[in-house]
Amino acid sequence: MNKKLMISAALLMLCQAGFSLTCPSVASLKQNSLSGWKAYDSDDGTPLTLKRETQFKQNAKEFALAEWKWSGTDKKTGTIHCYYRDNTGSDLEAYLAKGNYSPENSKDYWYSVSGSMHCAAGMEKCEFINGPLKQQPHLASR
């Protein structure tokens, strides 16, 4: 691999490591700009069929909730779940998910809800970081 390409790749990885992630916007859903995001049924956690995923994207009108579910007993890494509503305000029975992230909780927007954490702020404030959760006193561990 040429030296310039290797340096560019390394810089790109460093830049990405410094940024936080939020749930995709409704515009991103509509434009199918969902790199790495997968759609699941909120009742049983199974991947959406292509038909249901298309309906989900068409019906999404506003962001509803950012949720973070930790992996089993490991409360340091987990999966982002992003929920949306339709034009009547009804929650869609599906969510977008992306793994190996943790909530960025320096401003205390996150609160615990039976086996997961929910964000009590708007989409732009519900941020995630790639990798393990930062140890913070307000995020209690067992």
N, C-alpha and C. Protein backbone atom coordinates (compact mmCIF):
# COMPACT_ATOMS: atom_id res chain seq x y z
N MET A 1 0.86 -1.17 0.00
CA MET A 1 0.00 0.00 0.00
C MET A 1 0.90 1.23 0.00
N ASN A 2 0.52 2.23 -0.75
CA ASN A 2 1.38 3.40 -0.83
C ASN A 2 1.30 4.21 0.46
N LYS A 3 2.39 4.92 0.76
CA LYS A 3 2.56 5.61 2.04
C LYS A 3 1.49 6.69 2.26
N LYS A 4 1.14 7.47 1.22
CA LYS A 4 0.12 8.52 1.35
C LYS A 4 -1.24 7.92 1.69
N LEU A 5 -1.55 6.80 1.07
CA LEU A 5 -2.83 6.14 1.33
C LEU A 5 -2.89 5.63 2.77
N MET A 6 -1.80 5.07 3.26
CA MET A 6 -1.75 4.58 4.64
C MET A 6 -1.92 5.73 5.63
N ILE A 7 -1.27 6.85 5.38
CA ILE A 7 -1.38 8.01 6.27
C ILE A 7 -2.81 8.55 6.24
N SER A 8 -3.40 8.64 5.06
CA SER A 8 -4.78 9.11 4.93
C SER A 8 -5.75 8.21 5.69
N ALA A 9 -5.57 6.90 5.57
CA ALA A 9 -6.43 5.95 6.29
C ALA A 9 -6.28 6.10 7.79
N ALA A 10 -5.06 6.26 8.27
CA ALA A 10 -4.81 6.43 9.70
C ALA A 10 -5.45 7.72 10.21
N LEU A 11 -5.32 8.81 9.46
CA LEU A 11 -5.93 10.08 9.86
C LEU A 11 -7.45 9.98 9.89
N LEU A 12 -8.01 9.30 8.93
CA LEU A 12 -9.46 9.12 8.89
C LEU A 12 -9.94 8.36 10.13
N MET A 13 -9.22 7.30 10.49
CA MET A 13 -9.61 6.53 11.69
C MET A 13 -9.48 7.38 12.94
N LEU A 14 -8.45 8.19 13.07
CA LEU A 14 -8.28 9.06 14.23
C LEU A 14 -9.39 10.09 14.30
N CYS A 15 -9.75 10.66 13.17
CA CYS A 15 -10.82 11.66 13.13
C CYS A 15 -12.15 11.04 13.53
N GLN A 16 -12.44 9.85 13.03
CA GLN A 16 -13.70 9.20 13.35
C GLN A 16 -13.77 8.83 14.82
N ALA A 17 -12.64 8.47 15.42
CA ALA A 17 -12.62 8.08 16.83
C ALA A 17 -12.98 9.25 17.73
N GLY A 18 -12.75 10.50 17.28
CA GLY A 18 -13.01 11.65 18.10
C GLY A 18 -14.45 12.16 18.03
N PHE A 19 -15.25 11.64 17.15
CA PHE A 19 -16.61 12.13 16.97
C PHE A 19 -17.62 11.20 17.63
N SER A 20 -18.70 11.80 18.09
CA SER A 20 -19.78 10.99 18.63
C SER A 20 -20.82 10.76 17.54
N LEU A 21 -21.70 9.83 17.80
CA LEU A 21 -22.71 9.42 16.84
C LEU A 21 -24.08 9.70 17.43
N THR A 22 -25.02 10.12 16.59
CA THR A 22 -26.41 10.25 17.01
C THR A 22 -27.25 9.35 16.11
N CYS A 23 -28.50 9.18 16.47
CA CYS A 23 -29.42 8.41 15.63
C CYS A 23 -29.55 9.10 14.27
N PRO A 24 -29.80 8.32 13.22
CA PRO A 24 -29.98 8.93 11.90
C PRO A 24 -31.21 9.85 11.87
N SER A 25 -31.09 10.91 11.14
CA SER A 25 -32.22 11.83 10.98
C SER A 25 -33.29 11.17 10.10
N VAL A 26 -34.48 11.73 10.13
CA VAL A 26 -35.55 11.24 9.26
C VAL A 26 -35.14 11.42 7.80
N ALA A 27 -34.46 12.51 7.49
CA ALA A 27 -33.98 12.73 6.12
C ALA A 27 -33.02 11.62 5.70
N SER A 28 -32.15 11.20 6.60
CA SER A 28 -31.23 10.09 6.30
C SER A 28 -31.98 8.80 6.03
N LEU A 29 -33.04 8.57 6.82
CA LEU A 29 -33.89 7.39 6.58
C LEU A 29 -34.48 7.43 5.18
N LYS A 30 -35.04 8.59 4.83
CA LYS A 30 -35.71 8.74 3.53
C LYS A 30 -34.73 8.60 2.36
N GLN A 31 -33.49 9.05 2.57
CA GLN A 31 -32.47 8.99 1.52
C GLN A 31 -31.69 7.68 1.55
N ASN A 32 -32.04 6.81 2.49
CA ASN A 32 -31.37 5.52 2.65
C ASN A 32 -29.87 5.68 2.91
N SER A 33 -29.51 6.71 3.69
CA SER A 33 -28.13 6.97 4.08
C SER A 33 -27.89 6.38 5.47
N LEU A 34 -27.87 5.07 5.54
CA LEU A 34 -27.85 4.39 6.83
C LEU A 34 -26.67 3.42 6.95
N SER A 35 -25.51 3.87 6.64
CA SER A 35 -24.33 3.01 6.67
C SER A 35 -24.15 2.33 8.03
N GLY A 36 -24.26 1.02 8.02
CA GLY A 36 -24.05 0.25 9.24
C GLY A 36 -25.27 0.08 10.12
N TRP A 37 -26.35 0.77 9.85
CA TRP A 37 -27.58 0.66 10.64
C TRP A 37 -28.44 -0.46 10.09
N LYS A 38 -29.06 -1.24 10.98
CA LYS A 38 -29.96 -2.33 10.60
C LYS A 38 -31.33 -2.06 11.23
N ALA A 39 -32.40 -2.43 10.53
CA ALA A 39 -33.77 -2.23 11.02
C ALA A 39 -34.31 -3.54 11.61
N TYR A 40 -34.95 -3.42 12.79
CA TYR A 40 -35.48 -4.59 13.50
C TYR A 40 -36.91 -4.34 13.96
N ASP A 41 -37.65 -5.42 14.15
CA ASP A 41 -39.01 -5.40 14.70
C ASP A 41 -38.90 -5.13 16.20
N SER A 42 -39.64 -4.16 16.71
CA SER A 42 -39.54 -3.84 18.13
C SER A 42 -40.25 -4.84 19.03
N ASP A 43 -41.11 -5.69 18.47
CA ASP A 43 -41.79 -6.70 19.30
C ASP A 43 -40.92 -7.91 19.57
N ASP A 44 -40.24 -8.40 18.53
CA ASP A 44 -39.49 -9.65 18.72
C ASP A 44 -37.99 -9.55 18.40
N GLY A 45 -37.53 -8.37 17.97
CA GLY A 45 -36.12 -8.17 17.70
C GLY A 45 -35.58 -8.82 16.44
N THR A 46 -36.47 -9.30 15.58
CA THR A 46 -36.02 -9.92 14.33
C THR A 46 -35.78 -8.84 13.27
N PRO A 47 -34.86 -9.10 12.33
CA PRO A 47 -34.64 -8.12 11.26
C PRO A 47 -35.91 -7.91 10.44
N LEU A 48 -36.13 -6.68 10.01
CA LEU A 48 -37.30 -6.39 9.18
C LEU A 48 -37.12 -6.98 7.79
N THR A 49 -38.22 -7.43 7.20
CA THR A 49 -38.18 -7.85 5.80
C THR A 49 -37.96 -6.58 4.97
N LEU A 50 -37.57 -6.75 3.74
CA LEU A 50 -37.34 -5.61 2.86
C LEU A 50 -38.61 -4.77 2.73
N LYS A 51 -39.76 -5.44 2.62
CA LYS A 51 -41.04 -4.73 2.50
C LYS A 51 -41.32 -3.89 3.75
N ARG A 52 -41.14 -4.49 4.93
CA ARG A 52 -41.39 -3.75 6.18
C ARG A 52 -40.38 -2.64 6.39
N GLU A 53 -39.15 -2.88 6.00
CA GLU A 53 -38.14 -1.83 6.15
C GLU A 53 -38.48 -0.63 5.27
N THR A 54 -38.95 -0.89 4.06
CA THR A 54 -39.36 0.18 3.16
C THR A 54 -40.53 0.96 3.76
N GLN A 55 -41.52 0.26 4.31
CA GLN A 55 -42.66 0.93 4.95
C GLN A 55 -42.20 1.76 6.15
N PHE A 56 -41.30 1.19 6.96
CA PHE A 56 -40.75 1.89 8.13
C PHE A 56 -40.12 3.21 7.70
N LYS A 57 -39.29 3.17 6.67
CA LYS A 57 -38.61 4.38 6.20
C LYS A 57 -39.61 5.39 5.63
N GLN A 58 -40.62 4.92 4.91
CA GLN A 58 -41.61 5.81 4.33
C GLN A 58 -42.48 6.46 5.41
N ASN A 59 -42.82 5.71 6.46
CA ASN A 59 -43.73 6.20 7.48
C ASN A 59 -43.08 7.04 8.57
N ALA A 60 -41.77 6.97 8.70
CA ALA A 60 -41.07 7.73 9.75
C ALA A 60 -41.18 9.23 9.47
N LYS A 61 -41.68 9.96 10.45
CA LYS A 61 -41.83 11.41 10.30
C LYS A 61 -41.04 12.20 11.34
N GLU A 62 -40.77 11.58 12.51
CA GLU A 62 -39.98 12.27 13.52
C GLU A 62 -39.29 11.28 14.45
N PHE A 63 -38.19 11.72 15.01
CA PHE A 63 -37.43 10.92 15.98
C PHE A 63 -38.25 10.81 17.26
N ALA A 64 -38.24 9.63 17.89
CA ALA A 64 -38.99 9.42 19.13
C ALA A 64 -38.08 9.18 20.34
N LEU A 65 -37.09 8.28 20.21
CA LEU A 65 -36.31 7.87 21.39
C LEU A 65 -34.98 7.25 20.98
N ALA A 66 -33.95 7.57 21.75
CA ALA A 66 -32.67 6.87 21.63
C ALA A 66 -32.54 5.98 22.86
N GLU A 67 -32.20 4.73 22.62
CA GLU A 67 -32.07 3.74 23.69
C GLU A 67 -30.73 3.04 23.51
N TRP A 68 -30.14 2.64 24.62
CA TRP A 68 -28.90 1.86 24.57
C TRP A 68 -29.11 0.61 25.41
N LYS A 69 -28.89 -0.54 24.78
CA LYS A 69 -29.03 -1.83 25.47
C LYS A 69 -27.65 -2.43 25.61
N TRP A 70 -27.26 -2.74 26.86
CA TRP A 70 -25.95 -3.35 27.04
C TRP A 70 -26.01 -4.83 26.71
N SER A 71 -24.85 -5.36 26.43
CA SER A 71 -24.72 -6.76 25.99
C SER A 71 -24.61 -7.68 27.20
N GLY A 72 -25.68 -8.42 27.50
CA GLY A 72 -25.68 -9.39 28.60
C GLY A 72 -25.29 -8.74 29.91
N THR A 73 -24.28 -9.28 30.56
CA THR A 73 -23.84 -8.73 31.85
C THR A 73 -22.79 -7.65 31.67
N ASP A 74 -22.27 -7.48 30.46
CA ASP A 74 -21.26 -6.46 30.17
C ASP A 74 -21.96 -5.12 29.98
N LYS A 75 -21.83 -4.23 30.95
CA LYS A 75 -22.50 -2.94 30.87
C LYS A 75 -21.58 -1.85 30.34
N LYS A 76 -20.55 -2.26 29.60
CA LYS A 76 -19.62 -1.28 29.03
C LYS A 76 -19.83 -1.08 27.53
N THR A 77 -20.33 -2.10 26.85
CA THR A 77 -20.61 -1.96 25.42
C THR A 77 -22.03 -2.44 25.15
N GLY A 78 -22.59 -1.97 24.09
CA GLY A 78 -23.95 -2.38 23.78
C GLY A 78 -24.39 -1.89 22.42
N THR A 79 -25.70 -1.86 22.23
CA THR A 79 -26.28 -1.55 20.93
C THR A 79 -27.19 -0.33 21.04
N ILE A 80 -27.06 0.55 20.07
CA ILE A 80 -27.93 1.72 19.96
C ILE A 80 -29.24 1.27 19.34
N HIS A 81 -30.35 1.72 19.89
CA HIS A 81 -31.68 1.52 19.28
C HIS A 81 -32.27 2.91 19.07
N CYS A 82 -32.70 3.21 17.85
CA CYS A 82 -33.30 4.49 17.52
C CYS A 82 -34.74 4.27 17.06
N TYR A 83 -35.67 4.92 17.73
CA TYR A 83 -37.09 4.76 17.45
C TYR A 83 -37.65 6.04 16.82
N TYR A 84 -38.69 5.86 15.98
CA TYR A 84 -39.29 6.97 15.25
C TYR A 84 -40.81 6.88 15.32
N ARG A 85 -41.48 8.02 15.03
CA ARG A 85 -42.95 8.09 15.00
C ARG A 85 -43.42 8.38 13.59
N ASP A 86 -44.70 8.04 13.35
CA ASP A 86 -45.30 8.39 12.05
C ASP A 86 -45.96 9.76 12.14
N ASN A 87 -46.68 10.16 11.10
CA ASN A 87 -47.28 11.50 11.07
C ASN A 87 -48.43 11.69 12.04
N THR A 88 -48.96 10.61 12.62
CA THR A 88 -50.03 10.74 13.62
C THR A 88 -49.46 10.74 15.04
N GLY A 89 -48.15 10.59 15.17
CA GLY A 89 -47.52 10.56 16.50
C GLY A 89 -47.39 9.16 17.07
N SER A 90 -47.84 8.16 16.31
CA SER A 90 -47.75 6.78 16.78
C SER A 90 -46.33 6.25 16.59
N ASP A 91 -45.85 5.52 17.59
CA ASP A 91 -44.53 4.91 17.47
C ASP A 91 -44.59 3.81 16.43
N LEU A 92 -43.58 3.78 15.57
CA LEU A 92 -43.49 2.71 14.58
C LEU A 92 -43.00 1.46 15.29
N GLU A 93 -43.43 0.31 14.88
CA GLU A 93 -43.09 -0.94 15.56
C GLU A 93 -41.77 -1.50 15.03
N ALA A 94 -40.78 -0.61 14.95
CA ALA A 94 -39.46 -1.00 14.45
C ALA A 94 -38.44 0.00 14.98
N TYR A 95 -37.18 -0.36 14.89
CA TYR A 95 -36.10 0.54 15.31
C TYR A 95 -34.87 0.27 14.46
N LEU A 96 -33.98 1.24 14.44
CA LEU A 96 -32.67 1.07 13.81
C LEU A 96 -31.67 0.72 14.90
N ALA A 97 -30.71 -0.12 14.59
CA ALA A 97 -29.71 -0.53 15.59
C ALA A 97 -28.32 -0.52 15.00
N LYS A 98 -27.36 -0.25 15.88
CA LYS A 98 -25.94 -0.29 15.53
C LYS A 98 -25.19 -0.70 16.78
N GLY A 99 -24.27 -1.67 16.64
CA GLY A 99 -23.60 -2.23 17.80
C GLY A 99 -22.25 -1.63 18.14
N ASN A 100 -21.76 -2.01 19.33
CA ASN A 100 -20.46 -1.64 19.88
C ASN A 100 -20.33 -0.14 20.15
N TYR A 101 -21.37 0.43 20.73
CA TYR A 101 -21.35 1.83 21.13
C TYR A 101 -21.77 1.94 22.59
N SER A 102 -21.52 3.11 23.17
CA SER A 102 -21.91 3.42 24.54
C SER A 102 -22.48 4.83 24.56
N PRO A 103 -23.37 5.11 25.51
CA PRO A 103 -23.89 6.48 25.59
C PRO A 103 -22.82 7.45 26.05
N GLU A 104 -22.80 8.61 25.45
CA GLU A 104 -21.90 9.68 25.88
C GLU A 104 -22.71 10.46 26.91
N ASN A 105 -22.36 10.34 28.16
CA ASN A 105 -23.22 10.85 29.22
C ASN A 105 -22.59 11.97 30.04
N SER A 106 -21.76 12.78 29.45
CA SER A 106 -21.12 13.85 30.22
C SER A 106 -22.11 14.92 30.67
N LYS A 107 -23.27 15.00 30.02
CA LYS A 107 -24.26 16.00 30.40
C LYS A 107 -25.48 15.38 31.08
N ASP A 108 -25.39 14.14 31.49
CA ASP A 108 -26.44 13.46 32.25
C ASP A 108 -27.80 13.39 31.55
N TYR A 109 -27.80 13.17 30.25
CA TYR A 109 -29.06 13.04 29.52
C TYR A 109 -29.63 11.62 29.60
N TRP A 110 -28.83 10.67 30.05
CA TRP A 110 -29.23 9.27 30.03
C TRP A 110 -29.72 8.80 31.40
N TYR A 111 -30.75 7.95 31.39
CA TYR A 111 -31.27 7.38 32.63
C TYR A 111 -31.56 5.89 32.41
N SER A 112 -31.48 5.13 33.47
CA SER A 112 -31.65 3.68 33.39
C SER A 112 -33.12 3.29 33.40
N VAL A 113 -33.47 2.35 32.51
CA VAL A 113 -34.83 1.81 32.43
C VAL A 113 -34.70 0.31 32.22
N SER A 114 -34.98 -0.48 33.23
CA SER A 114 -34.95 -1.95 33.20
C SER A 114 -34.17 -2.59 32.05
N GLY A 115 -32.89 -2.69 32.22
CA GLY A 115 -32.05 -3.38 31.25
C GLY A 115 -31.53 -2.54 30.11
N SER A 116 -31.82 -1.25 30.13
CA SER A 116 -31.32 -0.37 29.09
C SER A 116 -31.19 1.04 29.63
N MET A 117 -30.73 1.94 28.79
CA MET A 117 -30.65 3.36 29.14
C MET A 117 -31.40 4.13 28.05
N HIS A 118 -32.16 5.14 28.47
CA HIS A 118 -32.89 6.00 27.54
C HIS A 118 -32.33 7.41 27.65
N CYS A 119 -32.45 8.15 26.57
CA CYS A 119 -31.97 9.52 26.54
C CYS A 119 -33.14 10.47 26.73
N ALA A 120 -32.99 11.39 27.69
CA ALA A 120 -34.03 12.36 28.00
C ALA A 120 -33.72 13.70 27.34
N ALA A 121 -33.43 13.66 26.06
CA ALA A 121 -33.11 14.90 25.33
C ALA A 121 -33.44 14.68 23.85
N GLY A 122 -33.26 15.70 23.08
CA GLY A 122 -33.49 15.61 21.64
C GLY A 122 -32.43 14.76 20.95
N MET A 123 -32.71 14.37 19.72
CA MET A 123 -31.83 13.49 18.97
C MET A 123 -30.40 14.00 18.92
N GLU A 124 -30.21 15.31 18.73
CA GLU A 124 -28.87 15.85 18.60
C GLU A 124 -28.08 15.79 19.91
N LYS A 125 -28.75 15.64 21.04
CA LYS A 125 -28.06 15.55 22.34
C LYS A 125 -27.87 14.11 22.80
N CYS A 126 -28.56 13.17 22.16
CA CYS A 126 -28.45 11.75 22.52
C CYS A 126 -27.27 11.16 21.75
N GLU A 127 -26.08 11.34 22.28
CA GLU A 127 -24.87 10.96 21.58
C GLU A 127 -24.31 9.63 22.09
N PHE A 128 -23.61 8.96 21.17
CA PHE A 128 -22.97 7.69 21.47
C PHE A 128 -21.50 7.78 21.09
N ILE A 129 -20.68 7.03 21.80
CA ILE A 129 -19.27 6.93 21.45
C ILE A 129 -18.97 5.48 21.11
N ASN A 130 -18.02 5.28 20.22
CA ASN A 130 -17.64 3.94 19.81
C ASN A 130 -16.78 3.33 20.90
N GLY A 131 -17.13 2.11 21.32
CA GLY A 131 -16.32 1.40 22.30
C GLY A 131 -16.89 1.45 23.69
N PRO A 132 -16.06 1.13 24.69
CA PRO A 132 -16.53 1.00 26.08
C PRO A 132 -17.07 2.28 26.67
N LEU A 133 -18.00 2.12 27.58
CA LEU A 133 -18.59 3.22 28.32
C LEU A 133 -17.55 3.84 29.22
N LYS A 134 -17.51 5.17 29.26
CA LYS A 134 -16.61 5.86 30.17
C LYS A 134 -17.11 5.63 31.59
N GLN A 135 -16.20 5.38 32.51
CA GLN A 135 -16.59 5.20 33.91
C GLN A 135 -16.97 6.55 34.49
N GLN A 136 -18.23 6.68 34.91
CA GLN A 136 -18.71 7.91 35.48
C GLN A 136 -19.52 7.57 36.72
N PRO A 137 -19.43 8.36 37.78
CA PRO A 137 -20.11 8.02 39.03
C PRO A 137 -21.61 7.91 38.94
N HIS A 138 -22.26 8.59 38.00
CA HIS A 138 -23.73 8.55 37.91
C HIS A 138 -24.23 7.34 37.12
N LEU A 139 -23.34 6.55 36.56
CA LEU A 139 -23.72 5.32 35.88
C LEU A 139 -23.28 4.15 36.76
N ALA A 140 -24.10 3.80 37.70
CA ALA A 140 -23.74 2.79 38.71
C ALA A 140 -23.52 1.42 38.11
N SER A 141 -22.61 0.69 38.70
CA SER A 141 -22.39 -0.71 38.30
C SER A 141 -22.66 -1.59 39.51
N ARG A 142 -22.94 -2.87 39.24
CA ARG A 142 -23.24 -3.80 40.34
C ARG A 142 -22.00 -4.27 41.02
